[in-house]
Amino acid sequence: MINFFRKTRKKMADDNNPMKYLRYAIGEILLVVIGILIALSINNWNEERKQVASEIKFISGVKNDLKQDKDYIESVIEFGHTKVNTYNILSQELPNLKDTNKKKLDSLHQIYFVGQRTFYPISGAYESAIAGNKINNFKNKKAIETIIKLYNSTYDRLIDNGKILDGRWEFISKKYSYIRRPGEFSEMTASEISEFLNDLYYHIVQQKWYIDSLNQALLEINAILEE
């Protein structure tokens, strides 16, 4: 189409009329400008299309990671509740079980000392967007802010709480390794039992705090997955 108009204007200017030459020159400039604007529009459209595709891929990747995080968090919460419930029984019944039901007491100790689970997130999709500085250009600001808060605030606190919990677990698992290794409750004096239950109590306090933090993370994860 541009070539058609160009030929038409050239034909009008062939009689050496200065005004026609001027019109031809102006028309030529306008065509160049129009061509540039069209090219810019196409380029902008392509860039916007790529940006939208990148944002969709990012959110989809984050959601896939969060689904795995959610499954693992739920298993860690269940594991933590089992430990809390076991402690509650021990704190109330240990002195009595020591003399009346050694088998049940040994079973409770095996459950409590089976190990420790803490959560660490899968963050591949998020870290990739951060590393490429893509996340700042995404348009769904509300969703992006929610995701950033989860990874940079909630998850960071959760990891810190997990490290504290791991530290408490390491302390009691080493201190009472003579119970943990054979899986049997050893004979203890009344003062030793009191010290033992106190050590477990401080571990359980942190365990409960950690479970609350995990549940808060689940709320934020579900909000992102449902958006």
Protein backbone atom coordinates (compact mmCIF):
# COMPACT_ATOMS: atom_id res chain seq x y z
CA MET A 1 0.00 0.00 0.00
CA ILE A 2 2.85 2.38 0.81
CA ASN A 3 4.45 1.63 -2.58
CA PHE A 4 1.13 2.39 -4.29
CA PHE A 5 0.88 5.84 -2.70
CA ARG A 6 4.52 6.49 -3.42
CA LYS A 7 4.07 5.73 -7.15
CA THR A 8 0.97 7.91 -7.27
CA ARG A 9 2.75 10.88 -5.73
CA LYS A 10 5.76 10.42 -8.00
CA LYS A 11 3.50 10.42 -11.04
CA MET A 12 1.89 13.69 -9.84
CA ALA A 13 5.34 15.26 -9.48
CA ASP A 14 6.65 14.27 -12.92
CA ASP A 15 5.59 17.56 -14.57
CA ASN A 16 8.33 19.43 -12.56
CA ASN A 17 5.74 21.49 -10.64
CA PRO A 18 7.49 22.75 -7.43
CA MET A 19 4.30 22.48 -5.34
CA LYS A 20 3.85 18.91 -6.45
CA TYR A 21 7.48 18.15 -5.55
CA LEU A 22 6.83 19.65 -2.10
CA ARG A 23 3.72 17.58 -1.64
CA TYR A 24 5.67 14.54 -2.75
CA ALA A 25 8.46 15.21 -0.23
CA ILE A 26 6.00 15.79 2.61
CA GLY A 27 4.12 12.65 1.68
CA GLU A 28 7.37 10.69 1.63
CA ILE A 29 8.22 11.91 5.14
CA LEU A 30 4.74 11.03 6.39
CA LEU A 31 5.04 7.54 4.94
CA VAL A 32 8.36 7.01 6.71
CA VAL A 33 6.86 8.22 9.99
CA ILE A 34 3.81 5.98 9.55
CA GLY A 35 6.09 3.03 8.78
CA ILE A 36 8.13 3.67 11.91
CA LEU A 37 4.98 3.96 14.05
CA ILE A 38 3.61 0.71 12.64
CA ALA A 39 6.90 -1.05 13.29
CA LEU A 40 7.00 0.28 16.86
CA SER A 41 3.41 -0.80 17.45
CA ILE A 42 4.15 -4.31 16.22
CA ASN A 43 7.29 -4.48 18.35
CA ASN A 44 5.42 -3.23 21.45
CA TRP A 45 2.67 -5.75 20.84
CA ASN A 46 5.21 -8.56 20.57
CA GLU A 47 6.97 -7.46 23.75
CA GLU A 48 3.68 -7.21 25.63
CA ARG A 49 2.67 -10.66 24.40
CA LYS A 50 5.99 -12.08 25.60
CA GLN A 51 5.55 -10.30 28.94
CA VAL A 52 2.08 -11.75 29.44
CA ALA A 53 3.32 -15.24 28.53
CA SER A 54 6.25 -14.86 30.95
CA GLU A 55 3.93 -13.76 33.75
CA ILE A 56 1.54 -16.65 33.14
CA LYS A 57 4.48 -19.08 33.15
CA PHE A 58 5.81 -17.56 36.39
CA ILE A 59 2.52 -17.79 38.27
CA SER A 60 1.92 -21.31 36.97
CA GLY A 61 5.42 -22.35 38.08
CA VAL A 62 4.97 -20.80 41.52
CA LYS A 63 1.63 -22.55 41.97
CA ASN A 64 3.17 -25.90 41.06
CA ASP A 65 5.90 -25.31 43.65
CA LEU A 66 3.34 -24.23 46.25
CA LYS A 67 1.24 -27.35 45.73
CA GLN A 68 4.27 -29.43 46.68
CA ASP A 69 5.02 -27.08 49.59
CA LYS A 70 1.44 -27.44 50.80
CA ASP A 71 1.57 -31.24 50.77
CA TYR A 72 4.81 -31.27 52.72
CA ILE A 73 3.66 -28.63 55.21
CA GLU A 74 0.55 -30.67 55.95
CA SER A 75 2.70 -33.76 56.60
CA VAL A 76 5.02 -31.75 58.89
CA ILE A 77 2.00 -30.41 60.82
CA GLU A 78 0.62 -33.92 61.24
CA PHE A 79 4.01 -35.13 62.41
CA GLY A 80 4.22 -32.24 64.88
CA HIS A 81 0.75 -32.90 66.28
CA THR A 82 1.72 -36.52 66.89
CA LYS A 83 4.72 -35.36 68.90
CA VAL A 84 2.62 -32.86 70.87
CA ASN A 85 -0.01 -35.49 71.67
CA THR A 86 2.68 -37.95 72.73
CA TYR A 87 4.21 -35.37 75.04
CA ASN A 88 0.80 -34.64 76.60
CA ILE A 89 0.42 -38.30 77.50
CA LEU A 90 3.97 -38.53 78.83
CA SER A 91 3.64 -35.41 80.95
CA GLN A 92 0.53 -36.77 82.63
CA GLU A 93 1.21 -40.51 82.82
CA LEU A 94 4.96 -41.09 82.76
CA PRO A 95 5.49 -41.72 86.52
CA ASN A 96 2.55 -44.12 86.61
CA LEU A 97 3.40 -45.90 83.34
CA LYS A 98 6.95 -46.46 84.54
CA ASP A 99 5.62 -48.86 87.16
CA THR A 100 2.41 -50.17 85.55
CA ASN A 101 2.85 -50.31 81.77
CA LYS A 102 6.47 -50.29 80.64
CA LYS A 103 5.48 -51.48 77.15
CA LYS A 104 3.22 -48.47 76.55
CA LEU A 105 5.88 -46.15 77.97
CA ASP A 106 8.51 -47.56 75.61
CA SER A 107 6.09 -47.16 72.68
CA LEU A 108 5.48 -43.50 73.55
CA HIS A 109 9.21 -42.84 73.72
CA GLN A 110 9.75 -44.49 70.35
CA ILE A 111 7.06 -42.25 68.85
CA TYR A 112 8.49 -39.09 70.40
CA PHE A 113 12.12 -39.81 69.55
CA VAL A 114 11.51 -41.10 66.02
CA GLY A 115 12.92 -37.89 64.56
CA GLN A 116 12.21 -34.27 63.71
CA ARG A 117 10.63 -32.77 60.60
CA THR A 118 10.98 -29.18 59.50
CA PHE A 119 9.93 -27.49 56.30
CA TYR A 120 12.06 -25.90 53.61
CA PRO A 121 10.26 -24.46 50.57
CA ILE A 122 10.64 -25.25 46.91
CA SER A 123 11.46 -21.90 45.33
CA GLY A 124 12.75 -22.63 41.82
CA ALA A 125 10.14 -20.63 39.89
CA TYR A 126 10.33 -17.68 42.28
CA GLU A 127 14.13 -17.57 42.38
CA SER A 128 14.29 -17.76 38.58
CA ALA A 129 12.03 -14.71 38.20
CA ILE A 130 14.02 -12.80 40.82
CA ALA A 131 17.34 -13.66 39.21
CA GLY A 132 16.12 -12.50 35.79
CA ASN A 133 14.59 -9.33 37.27
CA LYS A 134 11.34 -10.26 35.51
CA ILE A 135 9.09 -10.01 38.52
CA ASN A 136 9.21 -6.19 38.68
CA ASN A 137 7.61 -5.92 35.23
CA PHE A 138 4.64 -8.19 35.87
CA LYS A 139 1.27 -6.44 35.77
CA ASN A 140 -0.74 -8.46 38.29
CA LYS A 141 0.68 -6.43 41.18
CA LYS A 142 -1.68 -7.80 43.82
CA ALA A 143 -0.76 -11.43 43.08
CA ILE A 144 2.95 -10.58 42.83
CA GLU A 145 2.91 -8.74 46.18
CA THR A 146 1.22 -11.72 47.83
CA ILE A 147 3.81 -14.11 46.40
CA ILE A 148 6.71 -11.87 47.45
CA LYS A 149 5.32 -11.63 51.00
CA LEU A 150 5.06 -15.41 51.23
CA TYR A 151 8.62 -16.06 50.06
CA ASN A 152 10.43 -13.08 51.58
CA SER A 153 8.55 -12.77 54.88
CA THR A 154 6.42 -15.77 55.87
CA TYR A 155 8.83 -18.40 54.55
CA ASP A 156 11.85 -16.62 56.04
CA ARG A 157 10.23 -16.59 59.50
CA LEU A 158 9.19 -20.20 59.05
CA ILE A 159 12.75 -21.25 58.20
CA ASP A 160 14.08 -19.39 61.25
CA ASN A 161 11.51 -21.08 63.51
CA GLY A 162 12.42 -24.42 61.99
CA LYS A 163 16.10 -23.86 62.78
CA ILE A 164 15.23 -23.06 66.41
CA LEU A 165 13.09 -26.20 66.61
CA ASP A 166 15.88 -28.28 65.06
CA GLY A 167 18.28 -26.88 67.65
CA ARG A 168 16.02 -27.87 70.53
CA TRP A 169 15.52 -31.30 69.01
CA GLU A 170 19.27 -31.78 68.60
CA PHE A 171 19.74 -30.90 72.27
CA ILE A 172 17.23 -33.39 73.66
CA SER A 173 18.06 -36.14 71.16
CA LYS A 174 21.71 -35.99 72.22
CA LYS A 175 20.99 -35.60 75.92
CA TYR A 176 18.63 -38.57 75.94
CA SER A 177 20.35 -40.67 73.29
CA TYR A 178 20.49 -43.53 75.79
CA ILE A 179 16.67 -43.63 75.49
CA ARG A 180 16.46 -42.88 71.80
CA ARG A 181 18.95 -45.52 70.62
CA PRO A 182 17.43 -48.61 72.26
CA GLY A 183 13.88 -47.22 72.11
CA GLU A 184 13.29 -48.10 75.74
CA PHE A 185 12.71 -45.90 78.73
CA SER A 186 15.60 -46.11 81.17
CA GLU A 187 15.23 -46.00 84.91
CA MET A 188 15.16 -42.43 86.24
CA THR A 189 14.85 -40.86 89.64
CA ALA A 190 11.98 -38.48 90.35
CA SER A 191 14.24 -35.47 89.79
CA GLU A 192 15.55 -36.93 86.53
CA ILE A 193 12.00 -37.51 85.31
CA SER A 194 11.13 -33.91 86.17
CA GLU A 195 14.18 -32.67 84.25
CA PHE A 196 13.33 -34.94 81.33
CA LEU A 197 9.75 -33.62 81.10
CA ASN A 198 10.98 -30.03 81.40
CA ASP A 199 13.35 -30.54 78.47
CA LEU A 200 10.52 -32.04 76.41
CA TYR A 201 8.24 -29.17 77.42
CA TYR A 202 10.55 -26.49 75.99
CA HIS A 203 10.84 -28.49 72.80
CA ILE A 204 7.05 -28.81 72.58
CA VAL A 205 6.52 -25.08 73.18
CA GLN A 206 8.64 -24.39 70.12
CA GLN A 207 6.91 -27.22 68.24
CA LYS A 208 3.49 -25.63 68.86
CA TRP A 209 4.79 -22.23 67.75
CA TYR A 210 6.17 -23.85 64.63
CA ILE A 211 2.84 -25.53 63.86
CA ASP A 212 1.08 -22.16 64.18
CA SER A 213 3.58 -20.67 61.72
CA LEU A 214 3.01 -23.55 59.31
CA ASN A 215 -0.75 -23.04 59.47
CA GLN A 216 -0.30 -19.34 58.71
CA ALA A 217 1.80 -20.24 55.68
CA LEU A 218 -0.93 -22.64 54.52
CA LEU A 219 -3.49 -19.81 54.60
CA GLU A 220 -1.28 -17.68 52.36
CA ILE A 221 -0.53 -20.59 50.04
CA ASN A 222 -4.22 -21.41 49.65
CA ALA A 223 -5.00 -17.76 48.87
CA ILE A 224 -2.45 -17.80 46.04
CA LEU A 225 -3.59 -21.16 44.68
CA GLU A 226 -7.23 -20.07 44.65
CA GLU A 227 -6.60 -16.69 42.98
